[in-house]
């Protein structure tokens, strides 16, 4: 048995709730005892606006900040892993080149030397930028990791930095 249709006064109330109070369709439907799709169909057929025009209600800034900090932490972790992967690929390619060059008894073309130097320079710049991002994040978080997960992230980032620096040092001779 189907529920009786809403009266014109009830539809006016639905529209008011939707327009002025910015309630969800589900909330209004539960109040009025109808299916949410019924309200959605009526809104589309009559061209109702979703909400009153004007500025949106302000969001809780602490929730946004927490989301931003968490997202930046994940991004930093992903960037370190991406740099590590790139460095692994470069090392593999260089090992293969060395093996092939030893067999052939020749030297690497200067274009390859230049490409490798640019690639190392890019990785070093990327490390600096990610370190800067992490420093900004630490300042936002008060300089101290807020949770054990944060402390682990910072420690992991430091391990990545040290490991990448050591690997780069193997390819770049020390300054004299």
C-alpha atoms as a PDB file:
ATOM      1  CA  UNK A   1       0.000   0.000   0.000  1.00  0.00           C
ATOM      2  CA  UNK A   2       1.452   3.344  -1.081  1.00  0.00           C
ATOM      3  CA  UNK A   3       1.780   6.258   1.302  1.00  0.00           C
ATOM      4  CA  UNK A   4      -0.505   9.186   0.656  1.00  0.00           C
ATOM      5  CA  UNK A   5       1.086  12.103  -1.182  1.00  0.00           C
ATOM      6  CA  UNK A   6       2.184  15.141   0.764  1.00  0.00           C
ATOM      7  CA  UNK A   7      -0.097  18.139   0.884  1.00  0.00           C
ATOM      8  CA  UNK A   8       0.902  21.452  -0.673  1.00  0.00           C
ATOM      9  CA  UNK A   9       1.671  22.797   2.805  1.00  0.00           C
ATOM     10  CA  UNK A  10       3.939  19.825   3.502  1.00  0.00           C
ATOM     11  CA  UNK A  11       5.738  20.297   0.183  1.00  0.00           C
ATOM     12  CA  UNK A  12       6.227  23.964   1.059  1.00  0.00           C
ATOM     13  CA  UNK A  13       7.762  22.856   4.369  1.00  0.00           C
ATOM     14  CA  UNK A  14      10.045  20.376   2.545  1.00  0.00           C
ATOM     15  CA  UNK A  15      11.190  23.141   0.240  1.00  0.00           C
ATOM     16  CA  UNK A  16      11.776  25.508   3.163  1.00  0.00           C
ATOM     17  CA  UNK A  17      13.808  22.900   5.060  1.00  0.00           C
ATOM     18  CA  UNK A  18      15.873  22.185   1.990  1.00  0.00           C
ATOM     19  CA  UNK A  19      16.351  25.818   1.014  1.00  0.00           C
ATOM     20  CA  UNK A  20      16.692  27.705   4.286  1.00  0.00           C
ATOM     21  CA  UNK A  21      18.160  25.122   6.646  1.00  0.00           C
ATOM     22  CA  UNK A  22      20.250  23.289   4.055  1.00  0.00           C
ATOM     23  CA  UNK A  23      19.155  19.920   5.455  1.00  0.00           C
ATOM     24  CA  UNK A  24      19.954  16.757   3.543  1.00  0.00           C
ATOM     25  CA  UNK A  25      17.277  15.093   1.484  1.00  0.00           C
ATOM     26  CA  UNK A  26      17.490  12.018   3.718  1.00  0.00           C
ATOM     27  CA  UNK A  27      16.885  14.076   6.867  1.00  0.00           C
ATOM     28  CA  UNK A  28      13.886  15.835   5.352  1.00  0.00           C
ATOM     29  CA  UNK A  29      12.479  12.573   3.984  1.00  0.00           C
ATOM     30  CA  UNK A  30      12.719  10.952   7.407  1.00  0.00           C
ATOM     31  CA  UNK A  31      10.900  13.915   8.977  1.00  0.00           C
ATOM     32  CA  UNK A  32       8.147  13.898   6.383  1.00  0.00           C
ATOM     33  CA  UNK A  33       7.762  10.126   6.114  1.00  0.00           C
ATOM     34  CA  UNK A  34       8.573   9.837   2.410  1.00  0.00           C
ATOM     35  CA  UNK A  35      11.358   8.282   0.397  1.00  0.00           C
ATOM     36  CA  UNK A  36      14.303  10.614  -0.373  1.00  0.00           C
ATOM     37  CA  UNK A  37      13.902   9.917  -4.093  1.00  0.00           C
ATOM     38  CA  UNK A  38      10.368  11.354  -3.927  1.00  0.00           C
ATOM     39  CA  UNK A  39      11.770  14.665  -2.718  1.00  0.00           C
ATOM     40  CA  UNK A  40      14.575  14.597  -5.284  1.00  0.00           C
ATOM     41  CA  UNK A  41      12.113  14.031  -8.145  1.00  0.00           C
ATOM     42  CA  UNK A  42       9.917  16.893  -6.965  1.00  0.00           C
ATOM     43  CA  UNK A  43      12.934  19.202  -6.591  1.00  0.00           C
ATOM     44  CA  UNK A  44      14.113  18.420 -10.117  1.00  0.00           C
ATOM     45  CA  UNK A  45      10.672  18.752 -11.685  1.00  0.00           C
ATOM     46  CA  UNK A  46      10.045  22.116  -9.999  1.00  0.00           C
ATOM     47  CA  UNK A  47      13.639  23.375 -10.358  1.00  0.00           C
ATOM     48  CA  UNK A  48      14.343  23.917  -6.666  1.00  0.00           C
ATOM     49  CA  UNK A  49      17.654  25.387  -5.610  1.00  0.00           C
ATOM     50  CA  UNK A  50      19.818  23.225  -3.402  1.00  0.00           C
ATOM     51  CA  UNK A  51      20.346  25.859  -0.742  1.00  0.00           C
ATOM     52  CA  UNK A  52      19.907  29.520  -0.045  1.00  0.00           C
ATOM     53  CA  UNK A  53      22.319  31.768  -1.937  1.00  0.00           C
ATOM     54  CA  UNK A  54      25.066  33.426   0.043  1.00  0.00           C
ATOM     55  CA  UNK A  55      28.212  32.417   1.824  1.00  0.00           C
ATOM     56  CA  UNK A  56      28.527  28.822   2.903  1.00  0.00           C
ATOM     57  CA  UNK A  57      28.633  27.947   6.545  1.00  0.00           C
ATOM     58  CA  UNK A  58      32.216  28.046   7.793  1.00  0.00           C
ATOM     59  CA  UNK A  59      33.829  24.660   8.229  1.00  0.00           C
ATOM     60  CA  UNK A  60      35.657  23.688  11.371  1.00  0.00           C
ATOM     61  CA  UNK A  61      39.230  24.905  10.691  1.00  0.00           C
ATOM     62  CA  UNK A  62      40.798  22.385  13.053  1.00  0.00           C
ATOM     63  CA  UNK A  63      39.306  19.500  11.063  1.00  0.00           C
ATOM     64  CA  UNK A  64      40.682  20.982   7.843  1.00  0.00           C
ATOM     65  CA  UNK A  65      44.094  21.535   9.421  1.00  0.00           C
ATOM     66  CA  UNK A  66      44.193  17.959  10.707  1.00  0.00           C
ATOM     67  CA  UNK A  67      43.282  16.683   7.244  1.00  0.00           C
ATOM     68  CA  UNK A  68      45.909  18.896   5.632  1.00  0.00           C
ATOM     69  CA  UNK A  69      48.644  17.794   8.027  1.00  0.00           C
ATOM     70  CA  UNK A  70      47.777  14.126   7.526  1.00  0.00           C
ATOM     71  CA  UNK A  71      47.639  14.534   3.747  1.00  0.00           C
ATOM     72  CA  UNK A  72      50.989  16.328   3.713  1.00  0.00           C
ATOM     73  CA  UNK A  73      52.560  13.592   5.830  1.00  0.00           C
ATOM     74  CA  UNK A  74      51.379  10.976   3.366  1.00  0.00           C
ATOM     75  CA  UNK A  75      52.618  13.082   0.465  1.00  0.00           C
ATOM     76  CA  UNK A  76      56.060  13.458   2.031  1.00  0.00           C
ATOM     77  CA  UNK A  77      56.266   9.727   2.575  1.00  0.00           C
ATOM     78  CA  UNK A  78      55.223   9.045  -1.024  1.00  0.00           C
ATOM     79  CA  UNK A  79      57.758  11.540  -2.367  1.00  0.00           C
ATOM     80  CA  UNK A  80      60.601   9.909  -0.458  1.00  0.00           C
ATOM     81  CA  UNK A  81      59.538   6.515  -1.766  1.00  0.00           C
ATOM     82  CA  UNK A  82      59.304   7.870  -5.324  1.00  0.00           C
ATOM     83  CA  UNK A  83      62.814   9.321  -5.090  1.00  0.00           C
ATOM     84  CA  UNK A  84      64.078   6.046  -3.690  1.00  0.00           C
ATOM     85  CA  UNK A  85      62.484   4.145  -6.577  1.00  0.00           C
ATOM     86  CA  UNK A  86      63.982   6.536  -9.125  1.00  0.00           C
ATOM     87  CA  UNK A  87      67.399   6.141  -7.564  1.00  0.00           C
ATOM     88  CA  UNK A  88      67.052   2.340  -7.628  1.00  0.00           C
ATOM     89  CA  UNK A  89      66.216   2.473 -11.328  1.00  0.00           C
ATOM     90  CA  UNK A  90      69.185   4.731 -12.035  1.00  0.00           C
ATOM     91  CA  UNK A  91      71.507   2.406 -10.125  1.00  0.00           C
ATOM     92  CA  UNK A  92      70.287  -0.613 -12.082  1.00  0.00           C
ATOM     93  CA  UNK A  93      70.725   1.181 -15.386  1.00  0.00           C
ATOM     94  CA  UNK A  94      74.219   2.313 -14.410  1.00  0.00           C
ATOM     95  CA  UNK A  95      75.246  -1.189 -13.340  1.00  0.00           C
ATOM     96  CA  UNK A  96      74.069  -2.542 -16.671  1.00  0.00           C
ATOM     97  CA  UNK A  97      75.952   0.210 -18.496  1.00  0.00           C
ATOM     98  CA  UNK A  98      79.126  -0.506 -16.527  1.00  0.00           C
ATOM     99  CA  UNK A  99      78.916  -4.195 -17.312  1.00  0.00           C
ATOM    100  CA  UNK A 100      78.392  -3.491 -21.006  1.00  0.00           C
ATOM    101  CA  UNK A 101      81.187  -0.907 -21.104  1.00  0.00           C
ATOM    102  CA  UNK A 102      83.649  -3.271 -19.425  1.00  0.00           C
ATOM    103  CA  UNK A 103      82.839  -5.958 -21.974  1.00  0.00           C
ATOM    104  CA  UNK A 104      83.240  -3.526 -24.856  1.00  0.00           C
ATOM    105  CA  UNK A 105      86.294  -1.826 -23.353  1.00  0.00           C
ATOM    106  CA  UNK A 106      84.926   1.648 -24.026  1.00  0.00           C
ATOM    107  CA  UNK A 107      83.758   4.679 -22.084  1.00  0.00           C
ATOM    108  CA  UNK A 108      80.307   6.144 -21.577  1.00  0.00           C
ATOM    109  CA  UNK A 109      79.390   8.838 -24.128  1.00  0.00           C
ATOM    110  CA  UNK A 110      79.488  12.395 -22.810  1.00  0.00           C
ATOM    111  CA  UNK A 111      75.737  12.812 -23.427  1.00  0.00           C
ATOM    112  CA  UNK A 112      75.081   9.967 -20.979  1.00  0.00           C
ATOM    113  CA  UNK A 113      77.408  11.557 -18.408  1.00  0.00           C
ATOM    114  CA  UNK A 114      75.534  14.832 -18.776  1.00  0.00           C
ATOM    115  CA  UNK A 115      72.129  13.139 -18.477  1.00  0.00           C
ATOM    116  CA  UNK A 116      73.216  11.356 -15.298  1.00  0.00           C
ATOM    117  CA  UNK A 117      74.571  14.580 -13.800  1.00  0.00           C
ATOM    118  CA  UNK A 118      71.273  16.355 -14.518  1.00  0.00           C
ATOM    119  CA  UNK A 119      69.319  13.458 -13.019  1.00  0.00           C
ATOM    120  CA  UNK A 120      71.407  13.579  -9.829  1.00  0.00           C
ATOM    121  CA  UNK A 121      70.970  17.335  -9.645  1.00  0.00           C
ATOM    122  CA  UNK A 122      67.218  16.922  -9.973  1.00  0.00           C
ATOM    123  CA  UNK A 123      67.099  14.303  -7.229  1.00  0.00           C
ATOM    124  CA  UNK A 124      69.132  16.544  -4.929  1.00  0.00           C
ATOM    125  CA  UNK A 125      66.759  19.468  -5.588  1.00  0.00           C
ATOM    126  CA  UNK A 126      63.793  17.203  -4.924  1.00  0.00           C
ATOM    127  CA  UNK A 127      65.296  16.062  -1.638  1.00  0.00           C
ATOM    128  CA  UNK A 128      65.792  19.687  -0.603  1.00  0.00           C
ATOM    129  CA  UNK A 129      62.203  20.543  -1.496  1.00  0.00           C
ATOM    130  CA  UNK A 130      60.786  17.573   0.389  1.00  0.00           C
ATOM    131  CA  UNK A 131      62.983  18.390   3.396  1.00  0.00           C
ATOM    132  CA  UNK A 132      61.582  21.922   3.291  1.00  0.00           C
ATOM    133  CA  UNK A 133      58.029  20.569   3.151  1.00  0.00           C
ATOM    134  CA  UNK A 134      58.765  18.346   6.107  1.00  0.00           C
ATOM    135  CA  UNK A 135      60.284  21.229   8.067  1.00  0.00           C
ATOM    136  CA  UNK A 136      57.147  23.288   7.402  1.00  0.00           C
ATOM    137  CA  UNK A 137      55.023  20.393   8.552  1.00  0.00           C
ATOM    138  CA  UNK A 138      57.047  20.007  11.734  1.00  0.00           C
ATOM    139  CA  UNK A 139      56.609  23.717  12.466  1.00  0.00           C
ATOM    140  CA  UNK A 140      52.849  23.342  11.982  1.00  0.00           C
ATOM    141  CA  UNK A 141      52.820  20.383  14.342  1.00  0.00           C
ATOM    142  CA  UNK A 142      54.674  22.367  17.015  1.00  0.00           C
ATOM    143  CA  UNK A 143      58.065  20.898  16.255  1.00  0.00           C
ATOM    144  CA  UNK A 144      57.270  17.627  17.980  1.00  0.00           C
ATOM    145  CA  UNK A 145      55.585  14.577  16.519  1.00  0.00           C
ATOM    146  CA  UNK A 146      52.028  14.491  17.824  1.00  0.00           C
ATOM    147  CA  UNK A 147      51.679  10.716  17.699  1.00  0.00           C
ATOM    148  CA  UNK A 148      53.823   7.615  17.530  1.00  0.00           C
ATOM    149  CA  UNK A 149      52.911   7.368  13.840  1.00  0.00           C
ATOM    150  CA  UNK A 150      54.268  10.890  13.304  1.00  0.00           C
ATOM    151  CA  UNK A 151      57.508  10.020  15.075  1.00  0.00           C
ATOM    152  CA  UNK A 152      57.817   6.920  12.914  1.00  0.00           C
ATOM    153  CA  UNK A 153      57.185   8.993   9.783  1.00  0.00           C
ATOM    154  CA  UNK A 154      59.882  11.505  10.735  1.00  0.00           C
ATOM    155  CA  UNK A 155      62.334   8.697  11.528  1.00  0.00           C
ATOM    156  CA  UNK A 156      61.536   6.987   8.227  1.00  0.00           C
ATOM    157  CA  UNK A 157      62.042  10.242   6.342  1.00  0.00           C
ATOM    158  CA  UNK A 158      65.429  10.683   8.024  1.00  0.00           C
ATOM    159  CA  UNK A 159      66.400   7.120   7.099  1.00  0.00           C
ATOM    160  CA  UNK A 160      65.414   7.771   3.484  1.00  0.00           C
ATOM    161  CA  UNK A 161      67.412  11.010   3.410  1.00  0.00           C
ATOM    162  CA  UNK A 162      70.515   9.327   4.840  1.00  0.00           C
ATOM    163  CA  UNK A 163      70.213   6.342   2.519  1.00  0.00           C
ATOM    164  CA  UNK A 164      69.738   8.513  -0.561  1.00  0.00           C
ATOM    165  CA  UNK A 165      72.670  10.723   0.455  1.00  0.00           C
ATOM    166  CA  UNK A 166      74.892   7.663   0.907  1.00  0.00           C
ATOM    167  CA  UNK A 167      73.872   6.279  -2.460  1.00  0.00           C
ATOM    168  CA  UNK A 168      74.502   9.595  -4.165  1.00  0.00           C
ATOM    169  CA  UNK A 169      77.896   9.813  -2.489  1.00  0.00           C
ATOM    170  CA  UNK A 170      78.901   6.566  -4.204  1.00  0.00           C
ATOM    171  CA  UNK A 171      78.322   8.145  -7.614  1.00  0.00           C
ATOM    172  CA  UNK A 172      79.616  11.635  -6.963  1.00  0.00           C
ATOM    173  CA  UNK A 173      83.265  11.856  -5.934  1.00  0.00           C
ATOM    174  CA  UNK A 174      84.023  13.995  -2.862  1.00  0.00           C
ATOM    175  CA  UNK A 175      85.145  17.579  -3.474  1.00  0.00           C
ATOM    176  CA  UNK A 176      88.892  18.136  -3.285  1.00  0.00           C
END
